């Protein structure tokens, strides 16, 4: 597993001897270095956690209700008008 991307950041972790031995054994079985093993599995786990927290899954009927709400013509309420005014005052164009 050759990686040609430049590594610009360093990550240091401390662990007990048992954890180091287990990671070393798993890395050996996977034919990669301990660093490659830990990084690969940490990234895989991180991607799952980020996806679970940044995506929304709706049932088909809920999705249809969401789409219908987007298509509905409504007038801005006072709170929305106030938010737009505040935004235009705080953000330069």
N, C-alpha and C. Protein backbone atom coordinates (compact mmCIF):
# COMPACT_ATOMS: atom_id res chain seq x y z
N UNK A 1 0.84 -1.18 0.00
CA UNK A 1 0.00 0.00 0.00
C UNK A 1 0.88 1.24 0.00
N UNK A 2 1.17 1.77 -1.16
CA UNK A 2 2.04 2.93 -1.29
C UNK A 2 1.20 4.19 -1.36
N UNK A 3 1.60 5.20 -0.59
CA UNK A 3 0.87 6.45 -0.56
C UNK A 3 1.80 7.57 -1.00
N UNK A 4 1.48 8.23 -2.12
CA UNK A 4 2.36 9.25 -2.67
C UNK A 4 1.98 10.65 -2.19
N UNK A 5 0.93 10.77 -1.36
CA UNK A 5 0.50 12.06 -0.87
C UNK A 5 1.44 12.54 0.24
N UNK A 6 1.83 13.82 0.16
CA UNK A 6 2.70 14.37 1.19
C UNK A 6 1.95 14.46 2.50
N UNK A 7 2.59 14.00 3.56
CA UNK A 7 1.98 14.05 4.89
C UNK A 7 2.49 15.31 5.57
N UNK A 8 1.58 16.24 5.85
CA UNK A 8 1.96 17.54 6.38
C UNK A 8 1.68 17.69 7.87
N UNK A 9 1.03 16.72 8.47
CA UNK A 9 0.64 16.85 9.86
C UNK A 9 1.02 15.59 10.62
N UNK A 10 1.34 15.78 11.88
CA UNK A 10 1.75 14.66 12.72
C UNK A 10 0.74 14.48 13.83
N UNK A 11 0.45 13.25 14.18
CA UNK A 11 -0.47 12.92 15.25
C UNK A 11 0.23 11.96 16.20
N UNK A 12 0.33 12.32 17.45
CA UNK A 12 0.98 11.46 18.45
C UNK A 12 -0.07 10.92 19.40
N UNK A 13 0.03 9.63 19.70
CA UNK A 13 -0.87 9.04 20.69
C UNK A 13 -0.04 8.21 21.67
N UNK A 14 -0.54 8.11 22.86
CA UNK A 14 0.10 7.27 23.88
C UNK A 14 -0.84 6.11 24.18
N UNK A 15 -0.27 4.95 24.40
CA UNK A 15 -1.08 3.79 24.75
C UNK A 15 -0.26 2.88 25.65
N UNK A 16 -0.95 1.96 26.30
CA UNK A 16 -0.23 1.01 27.16
C UNK A 16 0.41 -0.08 26.31
N UNK A 17 1.23 -0.88 26.92
CA UNK A 17 1.98 -1.93 26.20
C UNK A 17 1.05 -2.92 25.53
N UNK A 18 -0.02 -3.30 26.21
CA UNK A 18 -0.97 -4.27 25.64
C UNK A 18 -1.59 -3.72 24.36
N UNK A 19 -2.00 -2.46 24.38
CA UNK A 19 -2.60 -1.85 23.19
C UNK A 19 -1.59 -1.78 22.06
N UNK A 20 -0.35 -1.43 22.38
CA UNK A 20 0.70 -1.33 21.35
C UNK A 20 0.97 -2.70 20.73
N UNK A 21 1.03 -3.72 21.56
CA UNK A 21 1.28 -5.08 21.05
C UNK A 21 0.13 -5.54 20.15
N UNK A 22 -1.10 -5.25 20.56
CA UNK A 22 -2.26 -5.65 19.77
C UNK A 22 -2.29 -4.92 18.43
N UNK A 23 -2.03 -3.62 18.46
CA UNK A 23 -1.98 -2.85 17.21
C UNK A 23 -0.85 -3.34 16.31
N UNK A 24 0.28 -3.64 16.90
CA UNK A 24 1.42 -4.13 16.13
C UNK A 24 1.10 -5.47 15.46
N UNK A 25 0.46 -6.35 16.20
CA UNK A 25 0.09 -7.66 15.66
C UNK A 25 -0.91 -7.50 14.52
N UNK A 26 -1.91 -6.66 14.72
CA UNK A 26 -2.93 -6.44 13.68
C UNK A 26 -2.30 -5.81 12.44
N UNK A 27 -1.39 -4.87 12.65
CA UNK A 27 -0.71 -4.23 11.52
C UNK A 27 0.13 -5.25 10.76
N UNK A 28 0.80 -6.11 11.48
CA UNK A 28 1.62 -7.15 10.85
C UNK A 28 0.74 -8.07 10.00
N UNK A 29 -0.40 -8.50 10.55
CA UNK A 29 -1.31 -9.35 9.79
C UNK A 29 -1.84 -8.64 8.54
N UNK A 30 -1.97 -7.31 8.62
CA UNK A 30 -2.47 -6.53 7.50
C UNK A 30 -1.38 -6.10 6.54
N UNK A 31 -0.12 -6.42 6.86
CA UNK A 31 1.04 -6.08 6.03
C UNK A 31 1.22 -4.58 5.84
N UNK A 32 0.98 -3.83 6.92
CA UNK A 32 1.20 -2.38 6.91
C UNK A 32 1.88 -1.99 8.22
N UNK A 33 2.37 -0.75 8.27
CA UNK A 33 2.97 -0.27 9.50
C UNK A 33 1.88 0.01 10.53
N UNK A 34 2.29 0.15 11.78
CA UNK A 34 1.32 0.47 12.83
C UNK A 34 0.64 1.80 12.50
N UNK A 35 1.43 2.78 12.07
CA UNK A 35 0.86 4.09 11.74
C UNK A 35 -0.19 3.97 10.64
N UNK A 36 0.12 3.23 9.58
CA UNK A 36 -0.83 3.06 8.49
C UNK A 36 -2.10 2.35 8.97
N UNK A 37 -1.92 1.34 9.82
CA UNK A 37 -3.05 0.58 10.34
C UNK A 37 -3.96 1.47 11.18
N UNK A 38 -3.37 2.19 12.13
CA UNK A 38 -4.14 3.05 13.02
C UNK A 38 -4.84 4.15 12.22
N UNK A 39 -4.11 4.80 11.32
CA UNK A 39 -4.69 5.88 10.53
C UNK A 39 -5.84 5.38 9.67
N UNK A 40 -5.65 4.27 9.00
CA UNK A 40 -6.68 3.72 8.13
C UNK A 40 -7.95 3.42 8.90
N UNK A 41 -7.82 2.76 10.04
CA UNK A 41 -9.00 2.38 10.81
C UNK A 41 -9.62 3.59 11.52
N UNK A 42 -8.81 4.53 11.95
CA UNK A 42 -9.34 5.74 12.57
C UNK A 42 -10.12 6.55 11.54
N UNK A 43 -9.59 6.68 10.33
CA UNK A 43 -10.29 7.43 9.28
C UNK A 43 -11.60 6.76 8.90
N UNK A 44 -11.60 5.45 8.80
CA UNK A 44 -12.81 4.72 8.47
C UNK A 44 -13.89 4.97 9.54
N UNK A 45 -13.49 4.90 10.79
CA UNK A 45 -14.42 5.15 11.88
C UNK A 45 -14.88 6.60 11.88
N UNK A 46 -13.97 7.52 11.64
CA UNK A 46 -14.30 8.94 11.62
C UNK A 46 -15.30 9.25 10.51
N UNK A 47 -15.11 8.66 9.33
CA UNK A 47 -16.04 8.89 8.22
C UNK A 47 -17.45 8.43 8.58
N UNK A 48 -17.57 7.29 9.23
CA UNK A 48 -18.88 6.78 9.63
C UNK A 48 -19.54 7.71 10.65
N UNK A 49 -18.76 8.18 11.61
CA UNK A 49 -19.30 9.06 12.65
C UNK A 49 -19.74 10.39 12.05
N UNK A 50 -18.91 10.97 11.18
CA UNK A 50 -19.26 12.24 10.55
C UNK A 50 -20.51 12.08 9.68
N UNK A 51 -20.56 11.01 8.90
CA UNK A 51 -21.73 10.78 8.04
C UNK A 51 -22.99 10.62 8.89
N UNK A 52 -22.89 9.89 9.99
CA UNK A 52 -24.06 9.68 10.85
C UNK A 52 -24.55 10.99 11.46
N UNK A 53 -23.65 11.93 11.67
CA UNK A 53 -24.02 13.19 12.30
C UNK A 53 -24.31 14.31 11.32
N UNK A 54 -23.96 14.14 10.06
CA UNK A 54 -24.15 15.20 9.08
C UNK A 54 -25.15 14.86 7.98
N UNK A 55 -25.77 13.72 8.05
CA UNK A 55 -26.75 13.37 7.04
C UNK A 55 -28.11 13.17 7.69
N UNK A 56 -29.14 13.39 6.90
CA UNK A 56 -30.51 13.23 7.37
C UNK A 56 -31.18 12.17 6.49
N UNK A 57 -31.79 11.21 7.13
CA UNK A 57 -32.50 10.17 6.40
C UNK A 57 -33.98 10.27 6.74
N UNK A 58 -34.79 10.38 5.72
CA UNK A 58 -36.23 10.51 5.91
C UNK A 58 -36.96 9.32 5.31
N UNK A 59 -38.09 8.99 5.91
CA UNK A 59 -38.99 8.01 5.31
C UNK A 59 -39.58 8.65 4.06
N UNK A 60 -39.98 7.86 3.08
CA UNK A 60 -40.52 8.43 1.84
C UNK A 60 -41.64 9.43 2.06
N UNK A 61 -42.57 9.14 2.99
CA UNK A 61 -43.68 10.08 3.21
C UNK A 61 -43.19 11.38 3.85
N UNK A 62 -42.17 11.29 4.72
CA UNK A 62 -41.61 12.50 5.32
C UNK A 62 -40.85 13.32 4.27
N UNK A 63 -40.16 12.63 3.37
CA UNK A 63 -39.43 13.32 2.30
C UNK A 63 -40.41 14.05 1.38
N UNK A 64 -41.52 13.40 1.05
CA UNK A 64 -42.53 14.04 0.21
C UNK A 64 -43.14 15.26 0.90
N UNK A 65 -43.36 15.17 2.21
CA UNK A 65 -43.88 16.31 2.97
C UNK A 65 -42.87 17.45 2.97
N UNK A 66 -41.59 17.12 3.08
CA UNK A 66 -40.52 18.13 3.04
C UNK A 66 -40.51 18.83 1.69
N UNK A 67 -40.58 18.05 0.61
CA UNK A 67 -40.60 18.65 -0.73
C UNK A 67 -41.83 19.53 -0.92
N UNK A 68 -42.96 19.10 -0.43
CA UNK A 68 -44.18 19.89 -0.55
C UNK A 68 -44.04 21.21 0.21
N UNK A 69 -43.41 21.17 1.38
CA UNK A 69 -43.20 22.39 2.16
C UNK A 69 -42.27 23.35 1.43
N UNK A 70 -41.29 22.82 0.72
CA UNK A 70 -40.39 23.67 -0.05
C UNK A 70 -41.11 24.35 -1.20
N UNK A 71 -42.05 23.65 -1.79
CA UNK A 71 -42.79 24.20 -2.94
C UNK A 71 -43.89 25.18 -2.53
N UNK A 72 -44.27 25.14 -1.27
CA UNK A 72 -45.37 25.98 -0.81
C UNK A 72 -44.98 27.46 -0.79
N UNK A 73 -45.84 28.30 -1.35
CA UNK A 73 -45.61 29.75 -1.38
C UNK A 73 -46.08 30.34 -0.06
N UNK A 74 -45.16 30.92 0.69
CA UNK A 74 -45.54 31.56 1.95
C UNK A 74 -44.90 32.94 2.03
N UNK A 75 -45.44 33.75 2.89
CA UNK A 75 -44.91 35.09 3.11
C UNK A 75 -43.96 35.05 4.32
N UNK A 76 -42.90 35.84 4.28
CA UNK A 76 -41.99 35.86 5.43
C UNK A 76 -42.68 36.42 6.67
N UNK A 77 -42.44 35.78 7.81
CA UNK A 77 -43.03 36.25 9.06
C UNK A 77 -42.13 37.34 9.66
N UNK A 78 -42.57 38.01 10.71
CA UNK A 78 -41.78 39.10 11.30
C UNK A 78 -40.39 38.67 11.76
N UNK A 79 -40.27 37.47 12.30
CA UNK A 79 -38.96 37.00 12.76
C UNK A 79 -37.99 36.85 11.60
N UNK A 80 -38.47 36.35 10.47
CA UNK A 80 -37.61 36.19 9.30
C UNK A 80 -37.21 37.56 8.74
N UNK A 81 -38.15 38.50 8.70
CA UNK A 81 -37.83 39.85 8.22
C UNK A 81 -36.77 40.50 9.11
N UNK A 82 -36.91 40.30 10.42
CA UNK A 82 -35.94 40.86 11.36
C UNK A 82 -34.57 40.22 11.15
N UNK A 83 -34.54 38.91 10.90
CA UNK A 83 -33.27 38.21 10.67
C UNK A 83 -32.59 38.72 9.41
N UNK A 84 -33.36 38.96 8.35
CA UNK A 84 -32.78 39.50 7.12
C UNK A 84 -32.22 40.90 7.33
N UNK A 85 -32.95 41.72 8.08
CA UNK A 85 -32.47 43.07 8.38
C UNK A 85 -31.18 43.02 9.17
N UNK A 86 -31.15 42.19 10.21
CA UNK A 86 -29.95 42.03 11.03
C UNK A 86 -28.77 41.53 10.20
N UNK A 87 -29.05 40.59 9.32
CA UNK A 87 -27.99 40.06 8.46
C UNK A 87 -27.43 41.14 7.55
N UNK A 88 -28.29 41.90 6.94
CA UNK A 88 -27.80 42.93 6.01
C UNK A 88 -27.03 44.03 6.75
N UNK A 89 -27.35 44.27 8.01
CA UNK A 89 -26.62 45.25 8.80
C UNK A 89 -25.24 44.73 9.22
N UNK A 90 -25.11 43.42 9.41
CA UNK A 90 -23.88 42.85 9.94
C UNK A 90 -22.92 42.37 8.84
N UNK A 91 -23.44 42.11 7.67
CA UNK A 91 -22.61 41.54 6.59
C UNK A 91 -22.51 42.56 5.46
N UNK A 92 -21.28 42.87 5.10
CA UNK A 92 -21.13 43.81 3.98
C UNK A 92 -21.41 43.11 2.66
N UNK A 93 -21.92 43.81 1.73
CA UNK A 93 -22.27 43.22 0.43
C UNK A 93 -21.16 43.28 -0.52
